[in-house]
PDB file of N, CA and C in Angstrom:
ATOM      1  N   UNK A   1     -23.898   2.834  17.058  1.00  0.00           N
ATOM      2  CA  UNK A   1     -22.787   2.045  16.700  1.00  0.00           C
ATOM      3  C   UNK A   1     -21.522   2.822  17.148  1.00  0.00           C
ATOM      4  N   UNK A   2     -20.740   2.149  17.930  1.00  0.00           N
ATOM      5  CA  UNK A   2     -19.537   2.762  18.562  1.00  0.00           C
ATOM      6  C   UNK A   2     -18.413   2.081  17.850  1.00  0.00           C
ATOM      7  N   UNK A   3     -17.715   2.815  16.959  1.00  0.00           N
ATOM      8  CA  UNK A   3     -16.631   2.307  16.119  1.00  0.00           C
ATOM      9  C   UNK A   3     -15.368   2.694  16.649  1.00  0.00           C
ATOM     10  N   UNK A   4     -14.345   1.767  16.838  1.00  0.00           N
ATOM     11  CA  UNK A   4     -13.041   1.964  17.286  1.00  0.00           C
ATOM     12  C   UNK A   4     -11.941   1.721  16.159  1.00  0.00           C
ATOM     13  N   UNK A   5     -11.223   2.760  15.737  1.00  0.00           N
ATOM     14  CA  UNK A   5     -10.245   2.502  14.748  1.00  0.00           C
ATOM     15  C   UNK A   5      -9.036   1.818  15.351  1.00  0.00           C
ATOM     16  N   UNK A   6      -8.612   0.725  14.761  1.00  0.00           N
ATOM     17  CA  UNK A   6      -7.382   0.112  15.263  1.00  0.00           C
ATOM     18  C   UNK A   6      -6.176   0.648  14.353  1.00  0.00           C
ATOM     19  N   UNK A   7      -6.382   0.990  13.205  1.00  0.00           N
ATOM     20  CA  UNK A   7      -5.515   1.730  12.228  1.00  0.00           C
ATOM     21  C   UNK A   7      -6.323   2.445  11.277  1.00  0.00           C
ATOM     22  N   UNK A   8      -5.740   3.265  10.327  1.00  0.00           N
ATOM     23  CA  UNK A   8      -6.627   3.997   9.329  1.00  0.00           C
ATOM     24  C   UNK A   8      -7.497   3.034   8.553  1.00  0.00           C
ATOM     25  N   UNK A   9      -7.136   1.821   8.262  1.00  0.00           N
ATOM     26  CA  UNK A   9      -7.879   0.949   7.397  1.00  0.00           C
ATOM     27  C   UNK A   9      -8.772  -0.098   8.172  1.00  0.00           C
ATOM     28  N   UNK A  10      -8.551  -0.351   9.349  1.00  0.00           N
ATOM     29  CA  UNK A  10      -9.270  -1.447  10.042  1.00  0.00           C
ATOM     30  C   UNK A  10      -9.898  -0.852  11.311  1.00  0.00           C
ATOM     31  N   UNK A  11     -11.198  -0.988  11.290  1.00  0.00           N
ATOM     32  CA  UNK A  11     -12.071  -0.473  12.466  1.00  0.00           C
ATOM     33  C   UNK A  11     -12.993  -1.561  13.069  1.00  0.00           C
ATOM     34  N   UNK A  12     -13.245  -1.471  14.281  1.00  0.00           N
ATOM     35  CA  UNK A  12     -14.118  -2.628  14.857  1.00  0.00           C
ATOM     36  C   UNK A  12     -15.230  -2.015  15.589  1.00  0.00           C
ATOM     37  N   UNK A  13     -16.315  -2.823  15.713  1.00  0.00           N
ATOM     38  CA  UNK A  13     -17.497  -2.412  16.423  1.00  0.00           C
ATOM     39  C   UNK A  13     -18.295  -3.650  16.935  1.00  0.00           C
ATOM     40  N   UNK A  14     -19.200  -3.347  17.845  1.00  0.00           N
ATOM     41  CA  UNK A  14     -20.102  -4.474  18.277  1.00  0.00           C
ATOM     42  C   UNK A  14     -21.154  -4.746  17.194  1.00  0.00           C
ATOM     43  N   UNK A  15     -22.147  -5.500  17.530  1.00  0.00           N
ATOM     44  CA  UNK A  15     -23.069  -6.006  16.658  1.00  0.00           C
ATOM     45  C   UNK A  15     -23.684  -4.839  15.757  1.00  0.00           C
ATOM     46  N   UNK A  16     -23.842  -5.007  14.540  1.00  0.00           N
ATOM     47  CA  UNK A  16     -24.538  -4.111  13.663  1.00  0.00           C
ATOM     48  C   UNK A  16     -25.795  -4.798  13.149  1.00  0.00           C
ATOM     49  N   UNK A  17     -26.694  -4.041  12.476  1.00  0.00           N
ATOM     50  CA  UNK A  17     -27.864  -4.588  11.801  1.00  0.00           C
ATOM     51  C   UNK A  17     -27.882  -4.456  10.354  1.00  0.00           C
ATOM     52  N   UNK A  18     -28.699  -5.148   9.644  1.00  0.00           N
ATOM     53  CA  UNK A  18     -28.717  -5.101   8.210  1.00  0.00           C
ATOM     54  C   UNK A  18     -28.936  -3.644   7.707  1.00  0.00           C
ATOM     55  N   UNK A  19     -29.861  -2.915   8.518  1.00  0.00           N
ATOM     56  CA  UNK A  19     -30.205  -1.547   8.100  1.00  0.00           C
ATOM     57  C   UNK A  19     -29.110  -0.559   8.285  1.00  0.00           C
ATOM     58  N   UNK A  20     -28.018  -0.952   8.962  1.00  0.00           N
ATOM     59  CA  UNK A  20     -26.821  -0.182   9.187  1.00  0.00           C
ATOM     60  C   UNK A  20     -25.867  -0.174   7.936  1.00  0.00           C
ATOM     61  N   UNK A  21     -26.089  -1.091   7.033  1.00  0.00           N
ATOM     62  CA  UNK A  21     -25.121  -1.235   5.935  1.00  0.00           C
ATOM     63  C   UNK A  21     -25.008  -0.111   5.042  1.00  0.00           C
ATOM     64  N   UNK A  22     -26.132   0.623   4.719  1.00  0.00           N
ATOM     65  CA  UNK A  22     -26.034   1.783   3.899  1.00  0.00           C
ATOM     66  C   UNK A  22     -25.323   2.848   4.538  1.00  0.00           C
ATOM     67  N   UNK A  23     -25.495   3.124   5.821  1.00  0.00           N
ATOM     68  CA  UNK A  23     -24.741   4.114   6.655  1.00  0.00           C
ATOM     69  C   UNK A  23     -23.242   3.820   6.661  1.00  0.00           C
ATOM     70  N   UNK A  24     -22.912   2.573   6.814  1.00  0.00           N
ATOM     71  CA  UNK A  24     -21.476   2.086   6.821  1.00  0.00           C
ATOM     72  C   UNK A  24     -20.945   2.452   5.538  1.00  0.00           C
ATOM     73  N   UNK A  25     -21.603   2.090   4.368  1.00  0.00           N
ATOM     74  CA  UNK A  25     -21.058   2.476   3.045  1.00  0.00           C
ATOM     75  C   UNK A  25     -20.897   4.016   2.854  1.00  0.00           C
ATOM     76  N   UNK A  26     -21.902   4.759   3.359  1.00  0.00           N
ATOM     77  CA  UNK A  26     -21.787   6.186   3.209  1.00  0.00           C
ATOM     78  C   UNK A  26     -20.654   6.740   4.153  1.00  0.00           C
ATOM     79  N   UNK A  27     -20.278   6.007   5.152  1.00  0.00           N
ATOM     80  CA  UNK A  27     -19.138   6.470   5.942  1.00  0.00           C
ATOM     81  C   UNK A  27     -17.748   6.230   5.364  1.00  0.00           C
ATOM     82  N   UNK A  28     -17.789   5.479   4.208  1.00  0.00           N
ATOM     83  CA  UNK A  28     -16.574   5.326   3.461  1.00  0.00           C
ATOM     84  C   UNK A  28     -16.036   3.968   3.468  1.00  0.00           C
ATOM     85  N   UNK A  29     -16.705   3.072   4.254  1.00  0.00           N
ATOM     86  CA  UNK A  29     -16.203   1.693   4.349  1.00  0.00           C
ATOM     87  C   UNK A  29     -16.285   0.901   3.056  1.00  0.00           C
ATOM     88  N   UNK A  30     -15.465   0.001   2.653  1.00  0.00           N
ATOM     89  CA  UNK A  30     -15.664  -0.776   1.465  1.00  0.00           C
ATOM     90  C   UNK A  30     -15.900  -2.222   1.679  1.00  0.00           C
ATOM     91  N   UNK A  31     -15.649  -2.626   3.016  1.00  0.00           N
ATOM     92  CA  UNK A  31     -15.844  -4.095   3.368  1.00  0.00           C
ATOM     93  C   UNK A  31     -16.295  -4.140   4.832  1.00  0.00           C
ATOM     94  N   UNK A  32     -17.070  -5.243   5.033  1.00  0.00           N
ATOM     95  CA  UNK A  32     -17.507  -5.642   6.353  1.00  0.00           C
ATOM     96  C   UNK A  32     -17.028  -7.072   6.672  1.00  0.00           C
ATOM     97  N   UNK A  33     -16.544  -7.246   7.947  1.00  0.00           N
ATOM     98  CA  UNK A  33     -16.189  -8.600   8.435  1.00  0.00           C
ATOM     99  C   UNK A  33     -17.052  -8.942   9.554  1.00  0.00           C
ATOM    100  N   UNK A  34     -17.798  -9.968   9.462  1.00  0.00           N
ATOM    101  CA  UNK A  34     -18.686 -10.554  10.606  1.00  0.00           C
ATOM    102  C   UNK A  34     -17.857 -11.617  11.337  1.00  0.00           C
ATOM    103  N   UNK A  35     -17.545 -11.525  12.479  1.00  0.00           N
ATOM    104  CA  UNK A  35     -16.907 -12.605  13.267  1.00  0.00           C
ATOM    105  C   UNK A  35     -17.857 -13.296  14.268  1.00  0.00           C
ATOM    106  N   UNK A  36     -19.062 -12.917  14.239  1.00  0.00           N
ATOM    107  CA  UNK A  36     -20.066 -13.489  15.097  1.00  0.00           C
ATOM    108  C   UNK A  36     -20.746 -14.617  14.490  1.00  0.00           C
ATOM    109  N   UNK A  37     -20.684 -15.897  15.148  1.00  0.00           N
ATOM    110  CA  UNK A  37     -21.436 -16.988  14.576  1.00  0.00           C
ATOM    111  C   UNK A  37     -22.938 -16.761  14.596  1.00  0.00           C
ATOM    112  N   UNK A  38     -23.613 -17.284  13.628  1.00  0.00           N
ATOM    113  CA  UNK A  38     -25.028 -17.177  13.468  1.00  0.00           C
ATOM    114  C   UNK A  38     -25.632 -17.795  14.736  1.00  0.00           C
ATOM    115  N   UNK A  39     -26.673 -17.072  15.269  1.00  0.00           N
ATOM    116  CA  UNK A  39     -27.448 -17.504  16.401  1.00  0.00           C
ATOM    117  C   UNK A  39     -26.721 -17.237  17.831  1.00  0.00           C
ATOM    118  N   UNK A  40     -25.592 -16.713  17.790  1.00  0.00           N
ATOM    119  CA  UNK A  40     -24.871 -16.566  19.086  1.00  0.00           C
ATOM    120  C   UNK A  40     -25.592 -15.545  19.985  1.00  0.00           C
ATOM    121  N   UNK A  41     -26.217 -14.536  19.333  1.00  0.00           N
ATOM    122  CA  UNK A  41     -26.941 -13.509  20.185  1.00  0.00           C
ATOM    123  C   UNK A  41     -28.375 -13.798  20.261  1.00  0.00           C
ATOM    124  N   UNK A  42     -28.915 -15.008  19.939  1.00  0.00           N
ATOM    125  CA  UNK A  42     -30.243 -15.277  20.046  1.00  0.00           C
ATOM    126  C   UNK A  42     -30.992 -14.812  18.775  1.00  0.00           C
ATOM    127  N   UNK A  43     -32.348 -14.770  18.880  1.00  0.00           N
ATOM    128  CA  UNK A  43     -33.211 -14.446  17.633  1.00  0.00           C
ATOM    129  C   UNK A  43     -33.096 -13.043  17.237  1.00  0.00           C
ATOM    130  N   UNK A  44     -32.518 -12.139  18.067  1.00  0.00           N
ATOM    131  CA  UNK A  44     -32.429 -10.746  17.740  1.00  0.00           C
ATOM    132  C   UNK A  44     -31.200 -10.509  16.825  1.00  0.00           C
ATOM    133  N   UNK A  45     -30.366 -11.368  16.749  1.00  0.00           N
ATOM    134  CA  UNK A  45     -29.097 -11.169  15.997  1.00  0.00           C
ATOM    135  C   UNK A  45     -29.357 -11.608  14.506  1.00  0.00           C
ATOM    136  N   UNK A  46     -29.156 -10.686  13.565  1.00  0.00           N
ATOM    137  CA  UNK A  46     -29.423 -10.964  12.079  1.00  0.00           C
ATOM    138  C   UNK A  46     -28.509 -12.111  11.669  1.00  0.00           C
ATOM    139  N   UNK A  47     -28.929 -13.041  10.808  1.00  0.00           N
ATOM    140  CA  UNK A  47     -28.227 -14.179  10.352  1.00  0.00           C
ATOM    141  C   UNK A  47     -27.155 -13.554   9.159  1.00  0.00           C
ATOM    142  N   UNK A  48     -26.059 -14.353   9.029  1.00  0.00           N
ATOM    143  CA  UNK A  48     -25.083 -13.869   8.166  1.00  0.00           C
ATOM    144  C   UNK A  48     -25.528 -13.646   6.639  1.00  0.00           C
ATOM    145  N   UNK A  49     -26.474 -14.562   6.233  1.00  0.00           N
ATOM    146  CA  UNK A  49     -26.959 -14.484   4.898  1.00  0.00           C
ATOM    147  C   UNK A  49     -27.862 -13.080   4.737  1.00  0.00           C
ATOM    148  N   UNK A  50     -28.631 -12.721   5.724  1.00  0.00           N
ATOM    149  CA  UNK A  50     -29.265 -11.436   5.650  1.00  0.00           C
ATOM    150  C   UNK A  50     -28.284 -10.320   5.671  1.00  0.00           C
ATOM    151  N   UNK A  51     -27.219 -10.379   6.501  1.00  0.00           N
ATOM    152  CA  UNK A  51     -26.170  -9.315   6.505  1.00  0.00           C
ATOM    153  C   UNK A  51     -25.411  -9.163   5.111  1.00  0.00           C
ATOM    154  N   UNK A  52     -25.327 -10.424   4.500  1.00  0.00           N
ATOM    155  CA  UNK A  52     -24.554 -10.450   3.274  1.00  0.00           C
ATOM    156  C   UNK A  52     -25.289  -9.731   2.196  1.00  0.00           C
ATOM    157  N   UNK A  53     -26.689  -9.949   2.209  1.00  0.00           N
ATOM    158  CA  UNK A  53     -27.594  -9.351   1.251  1.00  0.00           C
ATOM    159  C   UNK A  53     -27.494  -7.796   1.359  1.00  0.00           C
ATOM    160  N   UNK A  54     -27.620  -7.414   2.672  1.00  0.00           N
ATOM    161  CA  UNK A  54     -27.722  -5.949   3.002  1.00  0.00           C
ATOM    162  C   UNK A  54     -26.373  -5.332   2.539  1.00  0.00           C
ATOM    163  N   UNK A  55     -25.269  -5.976   2.825  1.00  0.00           N
ATOM    164  CA  UNK A  55     -23.910  -5.410   2.505  1.00  0.00           C
ATOM    165  C   UNK A  55     -23.821  -5.298   1.022  1.00  0.00           C
ATOM    166  N   UNK A  56     -24.221  -6.370   0.291  1.00  0.00           N
ATOM    167  CA  UNK A  56     -24.219  -6.268  -1.252  1.00  0.00           C
ATOM    168  C   UNK A  56     -25.043  -5.185  -1.714  1.00  0.00           C
ATOM    169  N   UNK A  57     -26.286  -4.933  -1.145  1.00  0.00           N
ATOM    170  CA  UNK A  57     -27.135  -3.929  -1.639  1.00  0.00           C
ATOM    171  C   UNK A  57     -26.486  -2.588  -1.438  1.00  0.00           C
ATOM    172  N   UNK A  58     -25.661  -2.475  -0.419  1.00  0.00           N
ATOM    173  CA  UNK A  58     -25.071  -1.157  -0.114  1.00  0.00           C
ATOM    174  C   UNK A  58     -23.693  -0.942  -0.868  1.00  0.00           C
ATOM    175  N   UNK A  59     -23.277  -1.966  -1.650  1.00  0.00           N
ATOM    176  CA  UNK A  59     -22.083  -1.968  -2.381  1.00  0.00           C
ATOM    177  C   UNK A  59     -20.864  -2.297  -1.570  1.00  0.00           C
ATOM    178  N   UNK A  60     -21.038  -3.034  -0.512  1.00  0.00           N
ATOM    179  CA  UNK A  60     -19.855  -3.416   0.395  1.00  0.00           C
ATOM    180  C   UNK A  60     -19.543  -4.970   0.194  1.00  0.00           C
ATOM    181  N   UNK A  61     -18.283  -5.208   0.230  1.00  0.00           N
ATOM    182  CA  UNK A  61     -17.888  -6.602   0.303  1.00  0.00           C
ATOM    183  C   UNK A  61     -18.198  -7.103   1.724  1.00  0.00           C
ATOM    184  N   UNK A  62     -18.473  -8.404   1.796  1.00  0.00           N
ATOM    185  CA  UNK A  62     -18.892  -8.982   3.058  1.00  0.00           C
ATOM    186  C   UNK A  62     -18.119 -10.331   3.231  1.00  0.00           C
ATOM    187  N   UNK A  63     -17.439 -10.415   4.441  1.00  0.00           N
ATOM    188  CA  UNK A  63     -16.753 -11.622   4.769  1.00  0.00           C
ATOM    189  C   UNK A  63     -17.284 -12.189   6.001  1.00  0.00           C
ATOM    190  N   UNK A  64     -17.667 -13.441   6.061  1.00  0.00           N
ATOM    191  CA  UNK A  64     -18.160 -14.139   7.293  1.00  0.00           C
ATOM    192  C   UNK A  64     -17.030 -15.064   7.869  1.00  0.00           C
ATOM    193  N   UNK A  65     -16.579 -14.623   9.003  1.00  0.00           N
ATOM    194  CA  UNK A  65     -15.413 -15.434   9.623  1.00  0.00           C
ATOM    195  C   UNK A  65     -15.964 -15.734  11.130  1.00  0.00           C
ATOM    196  N   UNK A  66     -16.805 -16.594  11.272  1.00  0.00           N
ATOM    197  CA  UNK A  66     -17.369 -16.900  12.651  1.00  0.00           C
ATOM    198  C   UNK A  66     -16.373 -17.401  13.543  1.00  0.00           C
ATOM    199  N   UNK A  67     -16.250 -16.838  14.810  1.00  0.00           N
ATOM    200  CA  UNK A  67     -15.324 -17.317  15.800  1.00  0.00           C
ATOM    201  C   UNK A  67     -16.038 -17.176  17.219  1.00  0.00           C
ATOM    202  N   UNK A  68     -15.736 -18.191  17.983  1.00  0.00           N
ATOM    203  CA  UNK A  68     -16.359 -18.116  19.324  1.00  0.00           C
ATOM    204  C   UNK A  68     -15.389 -17.202  20.175  1.00  0.00           C
ATOM    205  N   UNK A  69     -15.951 -16.578  21.193  1.00  0.00           N
ATOM    206  CA  UNK A  69     -15.069 -15.734  22.094  1.00  0.00           C
ATOM    207  C   UNK A  69     -13.952 -16.576  22.665  1.00  0.00           C
ATOM    208  N   UNK A  70     -12.715 -15.982  22.553  1.00  0.00           N
ATOM    209  CA  UNK A  70     -11.604 -16.637  23.153  1.00  0.00           C
ATOM    210  C   UNK A  70     -10.976 -17.753  22.253  1.00  0.00           C
ATOM    211  N   UNK A  71     -11.568 -17.821  21.022  1.00  0.00           N
ATOM    212  CA  UNK A  71     -11.104 -18.940  20.182  1.00  0.00           C
ATOM    213  C   UNK A  71     -10.840 -18.500  18.739  1.00  0.00           C
ATOM    214  N   UNK A  72      -9.973 -17.405  18.644  1.00  0.00           N
ATOM    215  CA  UNK A  72      -9.443 -16.950  17.484  1.00  0.00           C
ATOM    216  C   UNK A  72      -8.347 -17.807  17.031  1.00  0.00           C
ATOM    217  N   UNK A  73      -8.402 -18.439  15.800  1.00  0.00           N
ATOM    218  CA  UNK A  73      -7.432 -19.374  15.406  1.00  0.00           C
ATOM    219  C   UNK A  73      -6.419 -18.633  14.435  1.00  0.00           C
ATOM    220  N   UNK A  74      -5.299 -19.286  14.318  1.00  0.00           N
ATOM    221  CA  UNK A  74      -4.358 -18.793  13.318  1.00  0.00           C
ATOM    222  C   UNK A  74      -4.895 -18.654  11.909  1.00  0.00           C
ATOM    223  N   UNK A  75      -5.760 -19.631  11.546  1.00  0.00           N
ATOM    224  CA  UNK A  75      -6.539 -19.548  10.241  1.00  0.00           C
ATOM    225  C   UNK A  75      -7.382 -18.321  10.064  1.00  0.00           C
ATOM    226  N   UNK A  76      -8.091 -17.965  11.214  1.00  0.00           N
ATOM    227  CA  UNK A  76      -8.934 -16.842  10.992  1.00  0.00           C
ATOM    228  C   UNK A  76      -8.057 -15.557  11.020  1.00  0.00           C
ATOM    229  N   UNK A  77      -7.070 -15.507  11.738  1.00  0.00           N
ATOM    230  CA  UNK A  77      -6.046 -14.456  11.646  1.00  0.00           C
ATOM    231  C   UNK A  77      -5.450 -14.269  10.336  1.00  0.00           C
ATOM    232  N   UNK A  78      -5.116 -15.431   9.741  1.00  0.00           N
ATOM    233  CA  UNK A  78      -4.559 -15.392   8.310  1.00  0.00           C
ATOM    234  C   UNK A  78      -5.585 -14.842   7.234  1.00  0.00           C
ATOM    235  N   UNK A  79      -6.860 -15.277   7.532  1.00  0.00           N
ATOM    236  CA  UNK A  79      -7.857 -14.772   6.621  1.00  0.00           C
ATOM    237  C   UNK A  79      -8.042 -13.247   6.886  1.00  0.00           C
ATOM    238  N   UNK A  80      -8.047 -12.756   7.984  1.00  0.00           N
ATOM    239  CA  UNK A  80      -8.218 -11.305   8.197  1.00  0.00           C
ATOM    240  C   UNK A  80      -7.030 -10.464   7.553  1.00  0.00           C
ATOM    241  N   UNK A  81      -5.813 -11.140   7.717  1.00  0.00           N
ATOM    242  CA  UNK A  81      -4.623 -10.486   7.063  1.00  0.00           C
ATOM    243  C   UNK A  81      -4.911 -10.418   5.618  1.00  0.00           C
ATOM    244  N   UNK A  82      -5.357 -11.507   5.010  1.00  0.00           N
ATOM    245  CA  UNK A  82      -5.610 -11.567   3.512  1.00  0.00           C
ATOM    246  C   UNK A  82      -6.660 -10.507   3.056  1.00  0.00           C
ATOM    247  N   UNK A  83      -7.667 -10.458   3.883  1.00  0.00           N
ATOM    248  CA  UNK A  83      -8.768  -9.489   3.578  1.00  0.00           C
ATOM    249  C   UNK A  83      -8.198  -8.095   3.583  1.00  0.00           C
ATOM    250  N   UNK A  84      -7.379  -7.682   4.669  1.00  0.00           N
ATOM    251  CA  UNK A  84      -6.731  -6.420   4.816  1.00  0.00           C
ATOM    252  C   UNK A  84      -5.887  -6.091   3.588  1.00  0.00           C
ATOM    253  N   UNK A  85      -5.112  -7.091   3.219  1.00  0.00           N
ATOM    254  CA  UNK A  85      -4.226  -6.887   2.019  1.00  0.00           C
ATOM    255  C   UNK A  85      -4.898  -6.729   0.767  1.00  0.00           C
ATOM    256  N   UNK A  86      -6.010  -7.459   0.535  1.00  0.00           N
ATOM    257  CA  UNK A  86      -6.684  -7.399  -0.746  1.00  0.00           C
ATOM    258  C   UNK A  86      -7.773  -6.267  -0.813  1.00  0.00           C
ATOM    259  N   UNK A  87      -8.020  -5.678   0.225  1.00  0.00           N
ATOM    260  CA  UNK A  87      -9.217  -4.791   0.243  1.00  0.00           C
ATOM    261  C   UNK A  87      -8.666  -3.292   0.062  1.00  0.00           C
ATOM    262  N   UNK A  88      -9.302  -2.534  -0.913  1.00  0.00           N
ATOM    263  CA  UNK A  88      -8.973  -1.187  -0.936  1.00  0.00           C
ATOM    264  C   UNK A  88      -9.952  -0.370  -0.160  1.00  0.00           C
ATOM    265  N   UNK A  89      -9.566   0.441   0.681  1.00  0.00           N
ATOM    266  CA  UNK A  89     -10.408   1.280   1.488  1.00  0.00           C
ATOM    267  C   UNK A  89     -10.551   0.665   2.759  1.00  0.00           C
ATOM    268  N   UNK A  90     -11.271   1.358   3.691  1.00  0.00           N
ATOM    269  CA  UNK A  90     -11.397   0.955   5.145  1.00  0.00           C
ATOM    270  C   UNK A  90     -12.375  -0.276   5.314  1.00  0.00           C
ATOM    271  N   UNK A  91     -12.007  -1.037   6.328  1.00  0.00           N
ATOM    272  CA  UNK A  91     -12.845  -2.231   6.627  1.00  0.00           C
ATOM    273  C   UNK A  91     -13.452  -2.034   8.117  1.00  0.00           C
ATOM    274  N   UNK A  92     -14.676  -2.418   8.212  1.00  0.00           N
ATOM    275  CA  UNK A  92     -15.381  -2.508   9.495  1.00  0.00           C
ATOM    276  C   UNK A  92     -15.682  -3.930   9.816  1.00  0.00           C
ATOM    277  N   UNK A  93     -14.996  -4.373  10.971  1.00  0.00           N
ATOM    278  CA  UNK A  93     -15.267  -5.753  11.466  1.00  0.00           C
ATOM    279  C   UNK A  93     -16.064  -5.651  12.693  1.00  0.00           C
ATOM    280  N   UNK A  94     -16.976  -6.594  12.829  1.00  0.00           N
ATOM    281  CA  UNK A  94     -17.942  -6.609  14.022  1.00  0.00           C
ATOM    282  C   UNK A  94     -18.035  -8.002  14.611  1.00  0.00           C
ATOM    283  N   UNK A  95     -18.333  -8.055  15.893  1.00  0.00           N
ATOM    284  CA  UNK A  95     -18.626  -9.220  16.696  1.00  0.00           C
ATOM    285  C   UNK A  95     -19.569  -8.663  17.764  1.00  0.00           C
ATOM    286  N   UNK A  96     -19.785  -9.399  18.850  1.00  0.00           N
ATOM    287  CA  UNK A  96     -20.642  -8.837  19.912  1.00  0.00           C
ATOM    288  C   UNK A  96     -20.208  -7.561  20.525  1.00  0.00           C
ATOM    289  N   UNK A  97     -18.844  -7.361  20.759  1.00  0.00           N
ATOM    290  CA  UNK A  97     -18.384  -6.159  21.324  1.00  0.00           C
ATOM    291  C   UNK A  97     -17.159  -5.482  20.570  1.00  0.00           C
ATOM    292  N   UNK A  98     -16.651  -6.221  19.664  1.00  0.00           N
ATOM    293  CA  UNK A  98     -15.458  -5.797  18.782  1.00  0.00           C
ATOM    294  C   UNK A  98     -14.207  -6.471  19.444  1.00  0.00           C
ATOM    295  N   UNK A  99     -14.345  -7.111  20.507  1.00  0.00           N
ATOM    296  CA  UNK A  99     -13.163  -7.775  21.128  1.00  0.00           C
ATOM    297  C   UNK A  99     -12.443  -8.819  20.384  1.00  0.00           C
ATOM    298  N   UNK A 100     -13.220  -9.814  19.681  1.00  0.00           N
ATOM    299  CA  UNK A 100     -12.805 -10.855  18.845  1.00  0.00           C
ATOM    300  C   UNK A 100     -12.071 -10.218  17.607  1.00  0.00           C
ATOM    301  N   UNK A 101     -12.708  -9.216  17.060  1.00  0.00           N
ATOM    302  CA  UNK A 101     -12.079  -8.553  15.966  1.00  0.00           C
ATOM    303  C   UNK A 101     -10.813  -7.884  16.201  1.00  0.00           C
ATOM    304  N   UNK A 102     -10.705  -7.393  17.431  1.00  0.00           N
ATOM    305  CA  UNK A 102      -9.408  -6.714  17.778  1.00  0.00           C
ATOM    306  C   UNK A 102      -8.371  -7.829  17.978  1.00  0.00           C
ATOM    307  N   UNK A 103      -8.667  -8.890  18.627  1.00  0.00           N
ATOM    308  CA  UNK A 103      -7.797  -9.970  18.769  1.00  0.00           C
ATOM    309  C   UNK A 103      -7.305 -10.509  17.480  1.00  0.00           C
ATOM    310  N   UNK A 104      -8.216 -10.742  16.540  1.00  0.00           N
ATOM    311  CA  UNK A 104      -7.870 -11.248  15.246  1.00  0.00           C
ATOM    312  C   UNK A 104      -6.960 -10.380  14.398  1.00  0.00           C
ATOM    313  N   UNK A 105      -7.320  -9.008  14.642  1.00  0.00           N
ATOM    314  CA  UNK A 105      -6.389  -8.021  13.964  1.00  0.00           C
ATOM    315  C   UNK A 105      -5.035  -8.082  14.445  1.00  0.00           C
ATOM    316  N   UNK A 106      -4.916  -8.038  15.748  1.00  0.00           N
ATOM    317  CA  UNK A 106      -3.556  -8.138  16.440  1.00  0.00           C
ATOM    318  C   UNK A 106      -2.791  -9.340  16.036  1.00  0.00           C
ATOM    319  N   UNK A 107      -3.513 -10.542  15.960  1.00  0.00           N
ATOM    320  CA  UNK A 107      -2.837 -11.800  15.615  1.00  0.00           C
ATOM    321  C   UNK A 107      -2.422 -11.646  14.063  1.00  0.00           C
ATOM    322  N   UNK A 108      -3.276 -11.131  13.255  1.00  0.00           N
ATOM    323  CA  UNK A 108      -2.911 -10.905  11.770  1.00  0.00           C
ATOM    324  C   UNK A 108      -1.756  -9.985  11.656  1.00  0.00           C
ATOM    325  N   UNK A 109      -1.689  -9.050  12.373  1.00  0.00           N
ATOM    326  CA  UNK A 109      -0.598  -7.867  12.222  1.00  0.00           C
ATOM    327  C   UNK A 109       0.735  -8.508  12.650  1.00  0.00           C
ATOM    328  N   UNK A 110       0.681  -9.507  13.590  1.00  0.00           N
ATOM    329  CA  UNK A 110       1.862 -10.059  14.059  1.00  0.00           C
ATOM    330  C   UNK A 110       2.264 -11.433  13.448  1.00  0.00           C
ATOM    331  N   UNK A 111       1.447 -11.774  12.467  1.00  0.00           N
ATOM    332  CA  UNK A 111       1.726 -13.082  11.852  1.00  0.00           C
ATOM    333  C   UNK A 111       2.797 -12.916  10.783  1.00  0.00           C
TER     334      UNK A 111
END
């Protein structure tokens, strides 16, 4: 997992797996945002409900905000901003590469 901090509270990465959730919690994250639509990566990509269960088991809040590449809407950016505002502790957001998460963060920051 290659994590890039965008600020002290918001970090992005590419696809993670359900078994990564415990390590993410141990690293100090309190929430995970998934911006990758179910099935986008084919059968190897874990479904959002599986990721939700793993996050909950690890004590993490989980937010599913699916977005297609190049299609980050103002609504998604507003939701990211809301999650950042309401979450205590660091957040890890993921998609295929971290690019969509970075775009959503920049849009949220400038909203």
